Amino acid sequence: MTRWTPEEYAEWETRQRVDLNMAPMPADEGPESKLQGKIVKYCLDHGYPCLSFRQSRKAEGFLLPGWPDLTVCLSGGHVIFLELKSKHGHLRKKQKDLAQIMLFLGHQWHKVTSYKSFLSIVDK
């Protein structure tokens, strides 16, 4: 997928041990689609361009497997990647692998299980 120096690869391997399933706040009740709808509405209301992708056969070849559900462009040139999960949702292996690569490359990637946790990310 990408070419790294041996030092970069060693650093990436150490970061593989990070538990991406940890969520800072309790999860919202209800389906992931409801959470996604709230976040997209917030972005539209606040003027933040937001790309909302759902993995499907139609997206095959267009999106890398494991690509986050939302890509949000914030002020100041900040872009955040959000993987949304319901109360009982867990990250799949491809999602974890891509998240580790994004984090290693210095991007902001977050697992979001509640609207409140999304707001805390945007307020930073």
C-alpha atoms as a PDB file:
ATOM      1  CA  MET A   1       0.000   0.000   0.000  1.00  0.00           C
ATOM      2  CA  THR A   2       2.782   2.437   0.911  1.00  0.00           C
ATOM      3  CA  ARG A   3       6.575   2.315   1.105  1.00  0.00           C
ATOM      4  CA  TRP A   4       8.189   3.138   4.409  1.00  0.00           C
ATOM      5  CA  THR A   5      11.731   3.137   5.681  1.00  0.00           C
ATOM      6  CA  PRO A   6      12.568   0.345   8.164  1.00  0.00           C
ATOM      7  CA  GLU A   7      12.347   2.918  11.006  1.00  0.00           C
ATOM      8  CA  GLU A   8       8.894   4.092   9.887  1.00  0.00           C
ATOM      9  CA  TYR A   9       7.710   0.504   9.603  1.00  0.00           C
ATOM     10  CA  ALA A  10       9.001  -0.315  13.104  1.00  0.00           C
ATOM     11  CA  GLU A  11       7.156   2.728  14.477  1.00  0.00           C
ATOM     12  CA  TRP A  12       3.983   1.666  12.654  1.00  0.00           C
ATOM     13  CA  GLU A  13       4.230  -1.843  14.119  1.00  0.00           C
ATOM     14  CA  THR A  14       4.399  -0.392  17.632  1.00  0.00           C
ATOM     15  CA  ARG A  15       1.320   1.678  16.980  1.00  0.00           C
ATOM     16  CA  GLN A  16      -0.512  -1.470  15.886  1.00  0.00           C
ATOM     17  CA  ARG A  17      -0.882  -2.220  19.572  1.00  0.00           C
ATOM     18  CA  VAL A  18      -3.148   0.817  20.106  1.00  0.00           C
ATOM     19  CA  ASP A  19      -6.696  -0.254  20.981  1.00  0.00           C
ATOM     20  CA  LEU A  20      -8.849   1.556  18.436  1.00  0.00           C
ATOM     21  CA  ASN A  21     -12.045   0.143  19.937  1.00  0.00           C
ATOM     22  CA  MET A  22     -11.749   2.398  22.964  1.00  0.00           C
ATOM     23  CA  ALA A  23     -14.470   5.042  22.989  1.00  0.00           C
ATOM     24  CA  PRO A  24     -14.099   8.105  25.229  1.00  0.00           C
ATOM     25  CA  MET A  25     -17.829   8.446  25.974  1.00  0.00           C
ATOM     26  CA  PRO A  26     -20.803   6.113  26.270  1.00  0.00           C
ATOM     27  CA  ALA A  27     -22.429   5.246  22.962  1.00  0.00           C
ATOM     28  CA  ASP A  28     -25.750   6.652  21.798  1.00  0.00           C
ATOM     29  CA  GLU A  29     -28.712   4.330  21.592  1.00  0.00           C
ATOM     30  CA  GLY A  30     -29.968   3.516  18.124  1.00  0.00           C
ATOM     31  CA  PRO A  31     -28.479   2.706  14.744  1.00  0.00           C
ATOM     32  CA  GLU A  32     -25.301   4.102  13.247  1.00  0.00           C
ATOM     33  CA  SER A  33     -27.337   5.749  10.478  1.00  0.00           C
ATOM     34  CA  LYS A  34     -29.108   7.983  13.027  1.00  0.00           C
ATOM     35  CA  LEU A  35     -25.757   9.164  14.413  1.00  0.00           C
ATOM     36  CA  GLN A  36     -24.479   9.768  10.894  1.00  0.00           C
ATOM     37  CA  GLY A  37     -27.556  11.843  10.061  1.00  0.00           C
ATOM     38  CA  LYS A  38     -27.047  14.069  13.128  1.00  0.00           C
ATOM     39  CA  ILE A  39     -23.369  14.633  12.329  1.00  0.00           C
ATOM     40  CA  VAL A  40     -23.996  15.406   8.638  1.00  0.00           C
ATOM     41  CA  LYS A  41     -26.739  17.884   9.639  1.00  0.00           C
ATOM     42  CA  TYR A  42     -24.355  19.570  12.116  1.00  0.00           C
ATOM     43  CA  CYS A  43     -21.704  19.892   9.401  1.00  0.00           C
ATOM     44  CA  LEU A  44     -24.166  21.376   6.921  1.00  0.00           C
ATOM     45  CA  ASP A  45     -25.541  23.814   9.528  1.00  0.00           C
ATOM     46  CA  HIS A  46     -22.025  24.994  10.445  1.00  0.00           C
ATOM     47  CA  GLY A  47     -20.630  25.225   6.918  1.00  0.00           C
ATOM     48  CA  TYR A  48     -18.243  22.282   7.179  1.00  0.00           C
ATOM     49  CA  PRO A  49     -17.975  20.317   3.921  1.00  0.00           C
ATOM     50  CA  CYS A  50     -18.616  16.679   4.749  1.00  0.00           C
ATOM     51  CA  LEU A  51     -18.216  13.567   2.616  1.00  0.00           C
ATOM     52  CA  SER A  52     -20.386  10.706   3.737  1.00  0.00           C
ATOM     53  CA  PHE A  53     -19.419   7.304   2.355  1.00  0.00           C
ATOM     54  CA  ARG A  54     -21.095   3.998   2.922  1.00  0.00           C
ATOM     55  CA  GLN A  55     -19.188   0.881   1.947  1.00  0.00           C
ATOM     56  CA  SER A  56     -21.129  -0.934  -0.728  1.00  0.00           C
ATOM     57  CA  ARG A  57     -20.508  -2.871  -3.896  1.00  0.00           C
ATOM     58  CA  LYS A  58     -21.057   0.354  -5.817  1.00  0.00           C
ATOM     59  CA  ALA A  59     -18.086   1.911  -4.006  1.00  0.00           C
ATOM     60  CA  GLU A  60     -15.811  -1.054  -4.717  1.00  0.00           C
ATOM     61  CA  GLY A  61     -12.694   0.162  -6.515  1.00  0.00           C
ATOM     62  CA  PHE A  62     -13.458   3.767  -5.591  1.00  0.00           C
ATOM     63  CA  LEU A  63     -12.906   3.528  -1.834  1.00  0.00           C
ATOM     64  CA  LEU A  64     -10.161   1.624  -0.090  1.00  0.00           C
ATOM     65  CA  PRO A  65     -11.560  -1.182   2.066  1.00  0.00           C
ATOM     66  CA  GLY A  66     -11.964   0.147   5.600  1.00  0.00           C
ATOM     67  CA  TRP A  67     -12.331   3.813   4.563  1.00  0.00           C
ATOM     68  CA  PRO A  68     -14.033   5.829   7.374  1.00  0.00           C
ATOM     69  CA  ASP A  69     -17.725   6.692   7.159  1.00  0.00           C
ATOM     70  CA  LEU A  70     -17.225  10.476   7.224  1.00  0.00           C
ATOM     71  CA  THR A  71     -14.549  12.892   6.063  1.00  0.00           C
ATOM     72  CA  VAL A  72     -15.095  16.373   7.505  1.00  0.00           C
ATOM     73  CA  CYS A  73     -13.253  19.542   6.476  1.00  0.00           C
ATOM     74  CA  LEU A  74     -12.981  21.922   9.426  1.00  0.00           C
ATOM     75  CA  SER A  75     -11.697  25.490   9.577  1.00  0.00           C
ATOM     76  CA  GLY A  76      -7.963  26.102   9.584  1.00  0.00           C
ATOM     77  CA  GLY A  77      -7.274  23.426   6.993  1.00  0.00           C
ATOM     78  CA  HIS A  78      -8.066  20.549   9.348  1.00  0.00           C
ATOM     79  CA  VAL A  79      -9.586  17.385   7.953  1.00  0.00           C
ATOM     80  CA  ILE A  80     -10.876  14.664  10.254  1.00  0.00           C
ATOM     81  CA  PHE A  81     -11.835  11.092   9.439  1.00  0.00           C
ATOM     82  CA  LEU A  82     -14.663   9.593  11.478  1.00  0.00           C
ATOM     83  CA  GLU A  83     -15.551   5.929  11.780  1.00  0.00           C
ATOM     84  CA  LEU A  84     -19.047   5.703  13.232  1.00  0.00           C
ATOM     85  CA  LYS A  85     -20.104   2.772  15.366  1.00  0.00           C
ATOM     86  CA  SER A  86     -23.298   1.904  17.185  1.00  0.00           C
ATOM     87  CA  LYS A  87     -23.336   0.854  20.814  1.00  0.00           C
ATOM     88  CA  HIS A  88     -22.313  -2.721  20.010  1.00  0.00           C
ATOM     89  CA  GLY A  89     -20.296  -2.048  16.848  1.00  0.00           C
ATOM     90  CA  HIS A  90     -16.648  -3.067  16.545  1.00  0.00           C
ATOM     91  CA  LEU A  91     -13.996  -2.163  14.021  1.00  0.00           C
ATOM     92  CA  ARG A  92     -13.270  -4.697  11.304  1.00  0.00           C
ATOM     93  CA  LYS A  93      -9.647  -5.636  10.568  1.00  0.00           C
ATOM     94  CA  LYS A  94      -9.475  -3.519   7.393  1.00  0.00           C
ATOM     95  CA  GLN A  95     -10.847  -0.522   9.307  1.00  0.00           C
ATOM     96  CA  LYS A  96      -8.225  -0.969  12.044  1.00  0.00           C
ATOM     97  CA  ASP A  97      -5.416  -1.333   9.512  1.00  0.00           C
ATOM     98  CA  LEU A  98      -6.388   1.789   7.579  1.00  0.00           C
ATOM     99  CA  ALA A  99      -6.898   3.741  10.820  1.00  0.00           C
ATOM    100  CA  GLN A 100      -3.382   2.836  11.974  1.00  0.00           C
ATOM    101  CA  ILE A 101      -1.910   4.005   8.667  1.00  0.00           C
ATOM    102  CA  MET A 102      -3.848   7.296   8.778  1.00  0.00           C
ATOM    103  CA  LEU A 103      -2.740   7.943  12.354  1.00  0.00           C
ATOM    104  CA  PHE A 104       0.851   7.079  11.489  1.00  0.00           C
ATOM    105  CA  LEU A 105       0.758   9.566   8.612  1.00  0.00           C
ATOM    106  CA  GLY A 106      -0.437  12.294  11.004  1.00  0.00           C
ATOM    107  CA  HIS A 107      -4.129  12.467  10.107  1.00  0.00           C
ATOM    108  CA  GLN A 108      -6.912  12.829  12.657  1.00  0.00           C
ATOM    109  CA  TRP A 109      -8.897   9.591  12.760  1.00  0.00           C
ATOM    110  CA  HIS A 110     -11.581   9.020  15.383  1.00  0.00           C
ATOM    111  CA  LYS A 111     -13.976   6.249  16.293  1.00  0.00           C
ATOM    112  CA  VAL A 112     -17.244   7.996  17.158  1.00  0.00           C
ATOM    113  CA  THR A 113     -20.027   6.250  19.055  1.00  0.00           C
ATOM    114  CA  SER A 114     -22.026   9.261  20.221  1.00  0.00           C
ATOM    115  CA  TYR A 115     -23.029  12.721  19.070  1.00  0.00           C
ATOM    116  CA  LYS A 116     -21.514  14.149  22.262  1.00  0.00           C
ATOM    117  CA  SER A 117     -18.113  12.627  21.453  1.00  0.00           C
ATOM    118  CA  PHE A 118     -18.328  14.099  17.923  1.00  0.00           C
ATOM    119  CA  LEU A 119     -18.967  17.560  19.406  1.00  0.00           C
ATOM    120  CA  SER A 120     -15.941  17.201  21.708  1.00  0.00           C
ATOM    121  CA  ILE A 121     -13.757  16.365  18.684  1.00  0.00           C
ATOM    122  CA  VAL A 122     -15.011  19.355  16.647  1.00  0.00           C
ATOM    123  CA  ASP A 123     -14.611  21.737  19.622  1.00  0.00           C
ATOM    124  CA  LYS A 124     -10.886  20.941  19.993  1.00  0.00           C
END
